[in-house]
C-alpha atoms as a PDB file:
ATOM      1  CA  ALA A   1      92.506 103.558  86.027  1.00  0.00           C
ATOM      2  CA  LYS A   2      93.791 101.112  88.673  1.00  0.00           C
ATOM      3  CA  ALA A   3      91.178  98.491  87.769  1.00  0.00           C
ATOM      4  CA  HIS A   4      91.904  98.892  84.061  1.00  0.00           C
ATOM      5  CA  TYR A   5      95.638  98.317  84.510  1.00  0.00           C
ATOM      6  CA  LEU A   6      95.107  95.454  86.961  1.00  0.00           C
ATOM      7  CA  MET A   7      93.007  93.705  84.304  1.00  0.00           C
ATOM      8  CA  LEU A   8      95.756  94.222  81.707  1.00  0.00           C
ATOM      9  CA  GLY A   9      98.518  93.039  84.046  1.00  0.00           C
ATOM     10  CA  PRO A  10      98.202  90.935  87.211  1.00  0.00           C
ATOM     11  CA  LEU A  11      94.601  89.859  86.561  1.00  0.00           C
ATOM     12  CA  LYS A  12      95.030  88.951  82.900  1.00  0.00           C
ATOM     13  CA  ASP A  13      94.115  85.322  82.167  1.00  0.00           C
ATOM     14  CA  ARG A  14      93.186  84.594  85.796  1.00  0.00           C
ATOM     15  CA  ASP A  15      90.257  82.300  86.491  1.00  0.00           C
ATOM     16  CA  ALA A  16      89.552  83.634  89.999  1.00  0.00           C
ATOM     17  CA  VAL A  17      90.214  86.881  91.824  1.00  0.00           C
ATOM     18  CA  PHE A  18      89.964  87.170  95.592  1.00  0.00           C
ATOM     19  CA  ILE A  19      89.865  90.537  97.337  1.00  0.00           C
ATOM     20  CA  TRP A  20      91.113  90.534 100.915  1.00  0.00           C
ATOM     21  CA  GLY A  21      89.072  93.243 102.581  1.00  0.00           C
ATOM     22  CA  ALA A  22      85.317  93.676 102.285  1.00  0.00           C
ATOM     23  CA  GLY A  23      85.462  97.210 103.610  1.00  0.00           C
ATOM     24  CA  MET A  24      85.424 100.494 101.747  1.00  0.00           C
ATOM     25  CA  ASN A  25      88.618  99.855  99.729  1.00  0.00           C
ATOM     26  CA  GLY A  26      87.695  96.331  98.644  1.00  0.00           C
ATOM     27  CA  LYS A  27      84.128  97.227  97.725  1.00  0.00           C
ATOM     28  CA  ARG A  28      85.236 100.284  95.762  1.00  0.00           C
ATOM     29  CA  LEU A  29      87.791  98.238  93.849  1.00  0.00           C
ATOM     30  CA  SER A  30      85.234  95.532  93.041  1.00  0.00           C
ATOM     31  CA  LYS A  31      82.835  98.170  91.729  1.00  0.00           C
ATOM     32  CA  TYR A  32      85.382  99.030  89.029  1.00  0.00           C
ATOM     33  CA  LEU A  33      86.595  95.480  88.344  1.00  0.00           C
ATOM     34  CA  LEU A  34      83.222  93.811  87.815  1.00  0.00           C
ATOM     35  CA  PRO A  35      82.241  95.841  84.703  1.00  0.00           C
ATOM     36  CA  LEU A  36      85.595  94.772  83.202  1.00  0.00           C
ATOM     37  CA  TYR A  37      84.515  91.100  83.481  1.00  0.00           C
ATOM     38  CA  CYS A  38      86.850  90.373  86.366  1.00  0.00           C
ATOM     39  CA  PRO A  39      86.269  86.806  87.640  1.00  0.00           C
ATOM     40  CA  LEU A  40      85.768  87.927  91.238  1.00  0.00           C
ATOM     41  CA  ALA A  41      85.276  84.732  93.235  1.00  0.00           C
ATOM     42  CA  ALA A  42      85.059  86.070  96.796  1.00  0.00           C
ATOM     43  CA  PHE A  43      85.964  88.702  99.319  1.00  0.00           C
ATOM     44  CA  LEU A  44      87.994  87.587 102.332  1.00  0.00           C
ATOM     45  CA  ASP A  45      87.697  89.306 105.671  1.00  0.00           C
ATOM     46  CA  VAL A  46      88.331  88.959 109.398  1.00  0.00           C
ATOM     47  CA  ASP A  47      85.145  90.755 110.489  1.00  0.00           C
ATOM     48  CA  THR A  48      82.612  88.198 111.705  1.00  0.00           C
ATOM     49  CA  GLN A  49      79.846  90.751 111.024  1.00  0.00           C
ATOM     50  CA  LYS A  50      80.679  90.584 107.288  1.00  0.00           C
ATOM     51  CA  ILE A  51      81.544  86.892 106.894  1.00  0.00           C
ATOM     52  CA  GLY A  52      78.682  84.890 105.427  1.00  0.00           C
ATOM     53  CA  LYS A  53      77.133  87.888 103.699  1.00  0.00           C
ATOM     54  CA  THR A  54      77.486  88.987 100.088  1.00  0.00           C
ATOM     55  CA  TYR A  55      78.323  92.171  98.266  1.00  0.00           C
ATOM     56  CA  GLN A  56      77.116  92.498  94.655  1.00  0.00           C
ATOM     57  CA  THR A  57      76.310  88.740  94.846  1.00  0.00           C
ATOM     58  CA  ILE A  58      79.971  87.982  95.701  1.00  0.00           C
ATOM     59  CA  PRO A  59      80.375  85.960  98.917  1.00  0.00           C
ATOM     60  CA  ILE A  60      82.329  87.330 101.860  1.00  0.00           C
ATOM     61  CA  LEU A  61      84.324  84.505 103.395  1.00  0.00           C
ATOM     62  CA  SER A  62      86.653  84.112 106.328  1.00  0.00           C
ATOM     63  CA  PHE A  63      90.290  84.671 105.388  1.00  0.00           C
ATOM     64  CA  GLU A  64      91.029  81.193 106.768  1.00  0.00           C
ATOM     65  CA  SER A  65      89.017  79.643 103.941  1.00  0.00           C
ATOM     66  CA  LEU A  66      91.551  80.882 101.378  1.00  0.00           C
ATOM     67  CA  THR A  67      93.753  77.797 101.555  1.00  0.00           C
ATOM     68  CA  GLU A  68      90.723  75.560 100.973  1.00  0.00           C
ATOM     69  CA  ILE A  69      89.310  77.432  97.975  1.00  0.00           C
ATOM     70  CA  TRP A  70      92.599  78.530  96.358  1.00  0.00           C
ATOM     71  CA  GLY A  71      93.280  75.040  95.001  1.00  0.00           C
ATOM     72  CA  LYS A  72      89.925  74.892  93.212  1.00  0.00           C
ATOM     73  CA  TYR A  73      91.255  77.225  90.520  1.00  0.00           C
ATOM     74  CA  THR A  74      94.090  76.900  88.026  1.00  0.00           C
ATOM     75  CA  ARG A  75      95.225  80.564  88.007  1.00  0.00           C
ATOM     76  CA  PRO A  76      93.851  82.367  91.066  1.00  0.00           C
ATOM     77  CA  VAL A  77      95.107  85.711  92.301  1.00  0.00           C
ATOM     78  CA  LEU A  78      94.515  87.754  95.436  1.00  0.00           C
ATOM     79  CA  LEU A  79      94.323  91.518  95.831  1.00  0.00           C
ATOM     80  CA  SER A  80      94.850  92.884  99.325  1.00  0.00           C
ATOM     81  CA  ALA A  81      92.644  95.952  99.718  1.00  0.00           C
ATOM     82  CA  VAL A  82      93.431  96.663 103.368  1.00  0.00           C
ATOM     83  CA  GLY A  83      94.950 100.088 103.890  1.00  0.00           C
ATOM     84  CA  THR A  84      96.115  99.898 107.498  1.00  0.00           C
ATOM     85  CA  HIS A  85      99.900  99.419 107.666  1.00  0.00           C
ATOM     86  CA  ASP A  86      99.956  96.942 110.574  1.00  0.00           C
ATOM     87  CA  LYS A  87      97.161  94.891 109.007  1.00  0.00           C
ATOM     88  CA  ARG A  88      98.998  94.820 105.664  1.00  0.00           C
ATOM     89  CA  THR A  89     102.032  93.402 107.471  1.00  0.00           C
ATOM     90  CA  GLN A  90      99.885  90.689 109.084  1.00  0.00           C
ATOM     91  CA  ILE A  91      98.317  89.825 105.722  1.00  0.00           C
ATOM     92  CA  ARG A  92     101.747  89.694 104.061  1.00  0.00           C
ATOM     93  CA  ASP A  93     102.998  87.307 106.778  1.00  0.00           C
ATOM     94  CA  TYR A  94      99.877  85.114 106.542  1.00  0.00           C
ATOM     95  CA  LEU A  95     100.091  84.827 102.764  1.00  0.00           C
ATOM     96  CA  ALA A  96     103.814  84.048 102.886  1.00  0.00           C
ATOM     97  CA  LYS A  97     103.153  81.238 105.365  1.00  0.00           C
ATOM     98  CA  ALA A  98     100.410  79.966 103.018  1.00  0.00           C
ATOM     99  CA  GLY A  99     103.052  79.716 100.274  1.00  0.00           C
ATOM    100  CA  LEU A 100     101.801  82.644  98.177  1.00  0.00           C
ATOM    101  CA  THR A 101     104.317  84.974  96.554  1.00  0.00           C
ATOM    102  CA  GLU A 102     103.796  88.724  96.444  1.00  0.00           C
ATOM    103  CA  GLY A 103     103.957  89.975  92.874  1.00  0.00           C
ATOM    104  CA  LYS A 104     103.032  86.560  91.494  1.00  0.00           C
ATOM    105  CA  ASP A 105     100.080  85.220  93.478  1.00  0.00           C
ATOM    106  CA  TRP A 106      98.965  88.418  95.160  1.00  0.00           C
ATOM    107  CA  TRP A 107      99.288  92.216  95.125  1.00  0.00           C
ATOM    108  CA  ALA A 108      98.620  94.927  97.699  1.00  0.00           C
ATOM    109  CA  VAL A 109      96.331  97.486  96.079  1.00  0.00           C
ATOM    110  CA  ALA A 110      95.417  99.801  98.963  1.00  0.00           C
END
């Protein structure tokens, strides 16, 4: 249900979706978004063991690459799929410093 409503709301008419978190939450979410034709461009992560790999043919990139690739799209959006409270706070701070607005450019979904 979450993926369905994300596609009708925050993800509607987006040309790229980034999921921050290539762990269990992010992978599970992608599994439900992809059949709905979600334009999933990449996963972002901090884990060097995951960066450079793919999941379901979607690249897993370093979170630092976000600022570089964000501008390649006209209507990108980011979903934060990290469930740990302190990590969510760090992600929120990082995205704010990058000039992204919660509820417009990105949503926490875990």
